[in-house]
Every structure is written in C-alpha cells, then in structure tokens.
Amino acid sequence: MDREEKKKNNSSLSNTIGDWIMSIVIAGCLAFSIRTFLVELYVVEGKSMYPSLEHHERLVVDKLSSFFHLPERGQIIIFRFPMDETRDFIKRVMAVEGDTVEMVDGKVYVNGKRLKEEYIWTTDPAGQNRSNYPKSIVPKNCVFVLGDNRNNSEDSRYDDVGFVPNSLIKGRALCVFWPLTECRSLPAISSYKHD
C-alpha cells in the first residue's frame, strides 16, 4: 500500500468516526429536548390513583401542553411534591384557580355543586372515604388535586401538598402504554357531572 492510499484510508476512517460522533451528539440533543419539552415516561408508584391507574403501570406524560395551557378540571397530572421537589406525585385536578372547593363527608363540591365521581374507588375494604375539607378558594396559579383512592392518597387535603402551584406541574398523563394488555388513553373528564 502506498502513501496516498494510507492517507485516503486514514481520512475515510476519521470521517466515519466523526460522522458517528456527530450522530450520537445529535441523537443525545434530540432525546434531551424531547424528554425536557415534549413527553416523558412515568411509572405509577403506589395506589393513590386506583382504580384509574394501577401500581407500576407506565404512562406517557404530555409536557408540551403545560407550556401553553392551564390545567383543566378532571385531568390527571404529574407534579413535583411541594415539600421535596425530587419526588413526583400523580393526582387528578379537581379545581383550578378561582374555584371554590369543599369536601363534606367524602363528597367533593366545586363552586357549590357536588361532583358525581364515577372514577373513585368506592369498594375499599377500609370503608368509604368520609374526609372533610373546609370551603376554600383555589389561589391564583394553583390547582386542588385529589387521588382517586381517597383513603390512600396524600393530596391537597393535607398541608404538605396543599394547593399545587402550576409551576410544579410537569405535565398531564396522556395514556397507559404498559402493560400492553392495559393500554388506554387517559382523557380529562371533559365536563363534571353533578348530582
């Protein structure tokens, strides 16, 4: 092999390595951007959202819409726990800024109307939830959240969570993708049903 041929082979190898490095950098930047701004995968830990969500189900979380839209009543959201922002919580938005919210004997009232909640767990062996929460107005840029399994949920009823600032919301749950037998979309409850 002569000198020219060796130079050509070395140049070709350098170009190939350079192309691989550039591809890896671009792929890393795309993955970072997608995970930071578009979607995130989330694993449900615990039973606070049972029966709507099961322990260890895996979800796709829409992060992009939280940049452009305020949370809506009925949406299932993921947010950073106010007392330890390294932990994420998943709950249902019950009331948004300006709404009046109250719980009487486990029944939720938003703006004076009792919600008909067909998604909560009502057959808990511990008995039906009988929580009370005083009538309160949801502050500006905050939401009031509850878990669907009210006997086993740390949510806005408790001081360590309280009203959740919109700035702590990471996104809304779009769908369950795992296990495959449980794949389903998780639409917001579009309109509250009242008794």
C-alpha atoms as a PDB file:
ATOM      1  CA  MET A   1       0.000   0.000   0.000  1.00  0.00           C
ATOM      2  CA  ASP A   2       1.472   3.307  -0.970  1.00  0.00           C
ATOM      3  CA  ARG A   3       1.403   6.555   0.972  1.00  0.00           C
ATOM      4  CA  GLU A   4      -1.548   8.073  -0.891  1.00  0.00           C
ATOM      5  CA  GLU A   5      -3.691   5.013  -0.244  1.00  0.00           C
ATOM      6  CA  LYS A   6      -2.846   5.026   3.506  1.00  0.00           C
ATOM      7  CA  LYS A   7      -3.765   8.722   3.741  1.00  0.00           C
ATOM      8  CA  LYS A   8      -7.059   8.022   1.969  1.00  0.00           C
ATOM      9  CA  ASN A   9      -7.883   5.107   4.329  1.00  0.00           C
ATOM     10  CA  ASN A  10      -6.980   7.173   7.427  1.00  0.00           C
ATOM     11  CA  SER A  11      -9.069  10.081   6.126  1.00  0.00           C
ATOM     12  CA  SER A  12     -12.000   7.763   5.458  1.00  0.00           C
ATOM     13  CA  LEU A  13     -11.736   6.262   8.970  1.00  0.00           C
ATOM     14  CA  SER A  14     -11.559   9.761  10.502  1.00  0.00           C
ATOM     15  CA  ASN A  15     -14.636  10.824   8.539  1.00  0.00           C
ATOM     16  CA  THR A  16     -16.533   7.719   9.646  1.00  0.00           C
ATOM     17  CA  ILE A  17     -15.658   8.265  13.331  1.00  0.00           C
ATOM     18  CA  GLY A  18     -16.540  11.943  13.006  1.00  0.00           C
ATOM     19  CA  ASP A  19     -19.897  11.049  11.438  1.00  0.00           C
ATOM     20  CA  TRP A  20     -20.627   8.609  14.280  1.00  0.00           C
ATOM     21  CA  ILE A  21     -19.734  11.151  16.963  1.00  0.00           C
ATOM     22  CA  MET A  22     -21.886  13.820  15.274  1.00  0.00           C
ATOM     23  CA  SER A  23     -24.820  11.361  15.015  1.00  0.00           C
ATOM     24  CA  ILE A  24     -24.538  10.432  18.695  1.00  0.00           C
ATOM     25  CA  VAL A  25     -24.390  14.109  19.760  1.00  0.00           C
ATOM     26  CA  ILE A  26     -27.443  14.975  17.628  1.00  0.00           C
ATOM     27  CA  ALA A  27     -29.367  11.942  18.943  1.00  0.00           C
ATOM     28  CA  GLY A  28     -28.497  12.921  22.527  1.00  0.00           C
ATOM     29  CA  CYS A  29     -29.646  16.508  21.968  1.00  0.00           C
ATOM     30  CA  LEU A  30     -32.905  15.309  20.395  1.00  0.00           C
ATOM     31  CA  ALA A  31     -33.561  12.867  23.240  1.00  0.00           C
ATOM     32  CA  PHE A  32     -32.858  15.577  25.820  1.00  0.00           C
ATOM     33  CA  SER A  33     -35.162  18.045  24.053  1.00  0.00           C
ATOM     34  CA  ILE A  34     -37.982  15.510  23.677  1.00  0.00           C
ATOM     35  CA  ARG A  35     -37.783  14.433  27.323  1.00  0.00           C
ATOM     36  CA  THR A  36     -37.481  18.005  28.606  1.00  0.00           C
ATOM     37  CA  PHE A  37     -40.120  19.718  26.495  1.00  0.00           C
ATOM     38  CA  LEU A  38     -42.415  17.187  24.782  1.00  0.00           C
ATOM     39  CA  VAL A  39     -43.062  13.901  26.551  1.00  0.00           C
ATOM     40  CA  GLU A  40     -41.800  11.879  29.472  1.00  0.00           C
ATOM     41  CA  LEU A  41     -42.367   8.298  30.503  1.00  0.00           C
ATOM     42  CA  TYR A  42     -43.657   7.851  34.032  1.00  0.00           C
ATOM     43  CA  VAL A  43     -44.087   4.803  36.272  1.00  0.00           C
ATOM     44  CA  VAL A  44     -47.042   4.846  38.685  1.00  0.00           C
ATOM     45  CA  GLU A  45     -45.794   4.170  42.213  1.00  0.00           C
ATOM     46  CA  GLY A  46     -48.419   3.287  44.785  1.00  0.00           C
ATOM     47  CA  LYS A  47     -52.193   3.005  44.778  1.00  0.00           C
ATOM     48  CA  SER A  48     -53.345   6.597  45.278  1.00  0.00           C
ATOM     49  CA  MET A  49     -54.939   6.714  41.806  1.00  0.00           C
ATOM     50  CA  TYR A  50     -56.564   3.271  41.957  1.00  0.00           C
ATOM     51  CA  PRO A  51     -58.806   2.198  40.179  1.00  0.00           C
ATOM     52  CA  SER A  52     -57.935   4.652  37.369  1.00  0.00           C
ATOM     53  CA  LEU A  53     -54.251   3.694  37.489  1.00  0.00           C
ATOM     54  CA  GLU A  54     -52.553   0.600  38.863  1.00  0.00           C
ATOM     55  CA  HIS A  55     -49.242   0.369  40.728  1.00  0.00           C
ATOM     56  CA  HIS A  56     -46.351   0.006  38.220  1.00  0.00           C
ATOM     57  CA  GLU A  57     -48.346   0.961  35.130  1.00  0.00           C
ATOM     58  CA  ARG A  58     -46.301   3.031  32.734  1.00  0.00           C
ATOM     59  CA  LEU A  59     -47.621   6.278  31.253  1.00  0.00           C
ATOM     60  CA  VAL A  60     -46.786   8.792  28.577  1.00  0.00           C
ATOM     61  CA  VAL A  61     -46.847  12.318  30.017  1.00  0.00           C
ATOM     62  CA  ASP A  62     -47.532  15.311  27.760  1.00  0.00           C
ATOM     63  CA  LYS A  63     -45.194  18.078  28.915  1.00  0.00           C
ATOM     64  CA  LEU A  64     -45.586  20.431  25.957  1.00  0.00           C
ATOM     65  CA  SER A  65     -49.201  21.423  26.633  1.00  0.00           C
ATOM     66  CA  SER A  66     -48.307  22.676  30.125  1.00  0.00           C
ATOM     67  CA  PHE A  67     -46.267  25.453  28.462  1.00  0.00           C
ATOM     68  CA  PHE A  68     -49.330  26.718  26.574  1.00  0.00           C
ATOM     69  CA  HIS A  69     -52.425  25.685  28.554  1.00  0.00           C
ATOM     70  CA  LEU A  70     -53.500  25.877  32.169  1.00  0.00           C
ATOM     71  CA  PRO A  71     -54.507  22.598  33.824  1.00  0.00           C
ATOM     72  CA  GLU A  72     -58.155  21.619  33.480  1.00  0.00           C
ATOM     73  CA  ARG A  73     -60.539  20.023  35.943  1.00  0.00           C
ATOM     74  CA  GLY A  74     -60.544  16.265  35.563  1.00  0.00           C
ATOM     75  CA  GLN A  75     -57.040  15.954  34.109  1.00  0.00           C
ATOM     76  CA  ILE A  76     -54.593  13.521  35.657  1.00  0.00           C
ATOM     77  CA  ILE A  77     -51.345  15.414  36.188  1.00  0.00           C
ATOM     78  CA  ILE A  78     -47.821  14.703  37.353  1.00  0.00           C
ATOM     79  CA  PHE A  79     -46.281  17.341  39.598  1.00  0.00           C
ATOM     80  CA  ARG A  80     -43.271  17.818  41.837  1.00  0.00           C
ATOM     81  CA  PHE A  81     -44.115  17.306  45.509  1.00  0.00           C
ATOM     82  CA  PRO A  82     -44.008  20.780  47.118  1.00  0.00           C
ATOM     83  CA  MET A  83     -42.073  19.600  50.206  1.00  0.00           C
ATOM     84  CA  ASP A  84     -39.455  17.636  48.221  1.00  0.00           C
ATOM     85  CA  GLU A  85     -39.260  18.569  44.555  1.00  0.00           C
ATOM     86  CA  THR A  86     -37.172  15.486  43.764  1.00  0.00           C
ATOM     87  CA  ARG A  87     -40.349  13.411  44.202  1.00  0.00           C
ATOM     88  CA  ASP A  88     -43.168  13.306  41.661  1.00  0.00           C
ATOM     89  CA  PHE A  89     -46.852  12.822  42.504  1.00  0.00           C
ATOM     90  CA  ILE A  90     -49.735  11.875  40.227  1.00  0.00           C
ATOM     91  CA  LYS A  91     -53.268  13.109  41.028  1.00  0.00           C
ATOM     92  CA  ARG A  92     -56.481  14.339  39.431  1.00  0.00           C
ATOM     93  CA  VAL A  93     -57.181  18.078  39.145  1.00  0.00           C
ATOM     94  CA  MET A  94     -60.428  18.776  40.995  1.00  0.00           C
ATOM     95  CA  ALA A  95     -60.453  22.580  40.997  1.00  0.00           C
ATOM     96  CA  VAL A  96     -58.476  25.357  39.328  1.00  0.00           C
ATOM     97  CA  GLU A  97     -57.659  28.935  40.285  1.00  0.00           C
ATOM     98  CA  GLY A  98     -60.686  30.920  41.398  1.00  0.00           C
ATOM     99  CA  ASP A  99     -62.837  27.818  42.027  1.00  0.00           C
ATOM    100  CA  THR A 100     -64.396  27.212  45.429  1.00  0.00           C
ATOM    101  CA  VAL A 101     -63.736  23.678  46.645  1.00  0.00           C
ATOM    102  CA  GLU A 102     -65.083  21.832  49.666  1.00  0.00           C
ATOM    103  CA  MET A 103     -65.414  18.250  50.898  1.00  0.00           C
ATOM    104  CA  VAL A 104     -68.217  17.128  53.171  1.00  0.00           C
ATOM    105  CA  ASP A 105     -68.332  13.511  54.352  1.00  0.00           C
ATOM    106  CA  GLY A 106     -66.173  12.431  51.415  1.00  0.00           C
ATOM    107  CA  LYS A 107     -68.242  14.266  48.792  1.00  0.00           C
ATOM    108  CA  VAL A 108     -66.496  16.926  46.696  1.00  0.00           C
ATOM    109  CA  TYR A 109     -68.166  20.242  45.909  1.00  0.00           C
ATOM    110  CA  VAL A 110     -66.746  22.609  43.301  1.00  0.00           C
ATOM    111  CA  ASN A 111     -68.341  26.033  43.013  1.00  0.00           C
ATOM    112  CA  GLY A 112     -71.182  24.824  45.219  1.00  0.00           C
ATOM    113  CA  LYS A 113     -72.083  21.795  43.086  1.00  0.00           C
ATOM    114  CA  ARG A 114     -71.489  18.237  44.231  1.00  0.00           C
ATOM    115  CA  LEU A 115     -69.421  16.225  41.785  1.00  0.00           C
ATOM    116  CA  LYS A 116     -70.584  12.821  40.644  1.00  0.00           C
ATOM    117  CA  GLU A 117     -67.274  10.968  40.683  1.00  0.00           C
ATOM    118  CA  GLU A 118     -67.611   7.653  38.892  1.00  0.00           C
ATOM    119  CA  TYR A 119     -63.840   7.113  38.801  1.00  0.00           C
ATOM    120  CA  ILE A 120     -63.118   6.938  42.562  1.00  0.00           C
ATOM    121  CA  TRP A 121     -62.667   3.680  44.439  1.00  0.00           C
ATOM    122  CA  THR A 122     -65.810   3.084  46.451  1.00  0.00           C
ATOM    123  CA  THR A 123     -65.296  -0.547  47.485  1.00  0.00           C
ATOM    124  CA  ASP A 124     -62.234  -0.043  49.680  1.00  0.00           C
ATOM    125  CA  PRO A 125     -62.116  -2.666  52.473  1.00  0.00           C
ATOM    126  CA  ALA A 126     -61.233   0.208  54.839  1.00  0.00           C
ATOM    127  CA  GLY A 127     -64.652   1.654  54.103  1.00  0.00           C
ATOM    128  CA  GLN A 128     -65.848   4.643  52.181  1.00  0.00           C
ATOM    129  CA  ASN A 129     -63.872   7.843  52.488  1.00  0.00           C
ATOM    130  CA  ARG A 130     -65.510  10.368  54.827  1.00  0.00           C
ATOM    131  CA  SER A 131     -62.993  13.226  54.517  1.00  0.00           C
ATOM    132  CA  ASN A 132     -63.927  16.810  55.173  1.00  0.00           C
ATOM    133  CA  TYR A 133     -62.164  19.828  53.752  1.00  0.00           C
ATOM    134  CA  PRO A 134     -63.240  23.375  54.574  1.00  0.00           C
ATOM    135  CA  LYS A 135     -64.661  25.573  51.827  1.00  0.00           C
ATOM    136  CA  SER A 136     -61.691  27.308  50.205  1.00  0.00           C
ATOM    137  CA  ILE A 137     -60.932  29.315  47.096  1.00  0.00           C
ATOM    138  CA  VAL A 138     -58.124  27.947  44.947  1.00  0.00           C
ATOM    139  CA  PRO A 139     -55.413  30.648  44.773  1.00  0.00           C
ATOM    140  CA  LYS A 140     -54.177  32.177  41.524  1.00  0.00           C
ATOM    141  CA  ASN A 141     -51.835  29.923  39.522  1.00  0.00           C
ATOM    142  CA  CYS A 142     -52.686  26.851  41.623  1.00  0.00           C
ATOM    143  CA  VAL A 143     -54.811  23.710  41.437  1.00  0.00           C
ATOM    144  CA  PHE A 144     -56.527  21.497  44.026  1.00  0.00           C
ATOM    145  CA  VAL A 145     -55.758  17.805  43.444  1.00  0.00           C
ATOM    146  CA  LEU A 146     -57.072  14.527  44.855  1.00  0.00           C
ATOM    147  CA  GLY A 147     -56.183  10.896  44.327  1.00  0.00           C
ATOM    148  CA  ASP A 148     -58.945   8.581  43.094  1.00  0.00           C
ATOM    149  CA  ASN A 149     -58.241   6.246  46.022  1.00  0.00           C
ATOM    150  CA  ARG A 150     -59.132   8.785  48.693  1.00  0.00           C
ATOM    151  CA  ASN A 151     -58.305   6.520  51.661  1.00  0.00           C
ATOM    152  CA  ASN A 152     -54.764   6.092  50.365  1.00  0.00           C
ATOM    153  CA  SER A 153     -53.778   9.428  48.853  1.00  0.00           C
ATOM    154  CA  GLU A 154     -51.561  12.248  50.012  1.00  0.00           C
ATOM    155  CA  ASP A 155     -53.102  15.185  48.173  1.00  0.00           C
ATOM    156  CA  SER A 156     -54.377  18.764  48.511  1.00  0.00           C
ATOM    157  CA  ARG A 157     -56.336  17.875  51.653  1.00  0.00           C
ATOM    158  CA  TYR A 158     -53.047  17.761  53.540  1.00  0.00           C
ATOM    159  CA  ASP A 159     -50.776  20.691  54.392  1.00  0.00           C
ATOM    160  CA  ASP A 160     -47.638  19.104  52.911  1.00  0.00           C
ATOM    161  CA  VAL A 161     -49.269  19.130  49.459  1.00  0.00           C
ATOM    162  CA  GLY A 162     -51.940  21.822  49.717  1.00  0.00           C
ATOM    163  CA  PHE A 163     -52.792  23.857  46.655  1.00  0.00           C
ATOM    164  CA  VAL A 164     -50.292  22.852  43.972  1.00  0.00           C
ATOM    165  CA  PRO A 165     -48.621  25.761  42.139  1.00  0.00           C
ATOM    166  CA  ASN A 166     -48.879  25.446  38.355  1.00  0.00           C
ATOM    167  CA  SER A 167     -45.110  25.934  38.233  1.00  0.00           C
ATOM    168  CA  LEU A 168     -44.663  22.476  39.847  1.00  0.00           C
ATOM    169  CA  ILE A 169     -46.786  20.691  37.239  1.00  0.00           C
ATOM    170  CA  LYS A 170     -44.651  18.576  34.915  1.00  0.00           C
ATOM    171  CA  GLY A 171     -47.432  17.542  32.547  1.00  0.00           C
ATOM    172  CA  ARG A 172     -50.656  15.632  32.075  1.00  0.00           C
ATOM    173  CA  ALA A 173     -50.997  11.883  31.730  1.00  0.00           C
ATOM    174  CA  LEU A 174     -51.887  11.003  28.129  1.00  0.00           C
ATOM    175  CA  CYS A 175     -52.053   7.229  28.101  1.00  0.00           C
ATOM    176  CA  VAL A 176     -51.030   3.964  29.712  1.00  0.00           C
ATOM    177  CA  PHE A 177     -48.626   2.058  27.445  1.00  0.00           C
ATOM    178  CA  TRP A 178     -47.563  -0.786  29.755  1.00  0.00           C
ATOM    179  CA  PRO A 179     -48.555  -3.477  30.404  1.00  0.00           C
ATOM    180  CA  LEU A 180     -49.671  -3.893  26.801  1.00  0.00           C
ATOM    181  CA  THR A 181     -52.893  -5.583  27.889  1.00  0.00           C
ATOM    182  CA  GLU A 182     -53.857  -2.376  29.751  1.00  0.00           C
ATOM    183  CA  CYS A 183     -53.019   0.200  27.046  1.00  0.00           C
ATOM    184  CA  ARG A 184     -55.554   3.032  27.081  1.00  0.00           C
ATOM    185  CA  SER A 185     -55.855   6.774  26.762  1.00  0.00           C
ATOM    186  CA  LEU A 186     -56.393   8.935  29.835  1.00  0.00           C
ATOM    187  CA  PRO A 187     -58.581  11.794  28.691  1.00  0.00           C
ATOM    188  CA  ALA A 188     -59.571  14.552  31.068  1.00  0.00           C
ATOM    189  CA  ILE A 189     -63.086  14.207  32.326  1.00  0.00           C
ATOM    190  CA  SER A 190     -64.429  16.784  29.898  1.00  0.00           C
ATOM    191  CA  SER A 191     -67.320  18.029  31.951  1.00  0.00           C
ATOM    192  CA  TYR A 192     -68.000  17.491  35.593  1.00  0.00           C
ATOM    193  CA  LYS A 193     -71.158  15.595  36.307  1.00  0.00           C
ATOM    194  CA  HIS A 194     -73.155  16.971  39.156  1.00  0.00           C
ATOM    195  CA  ASP A 195     -75.640  15.173  41.387  1.00  0.00           C
END
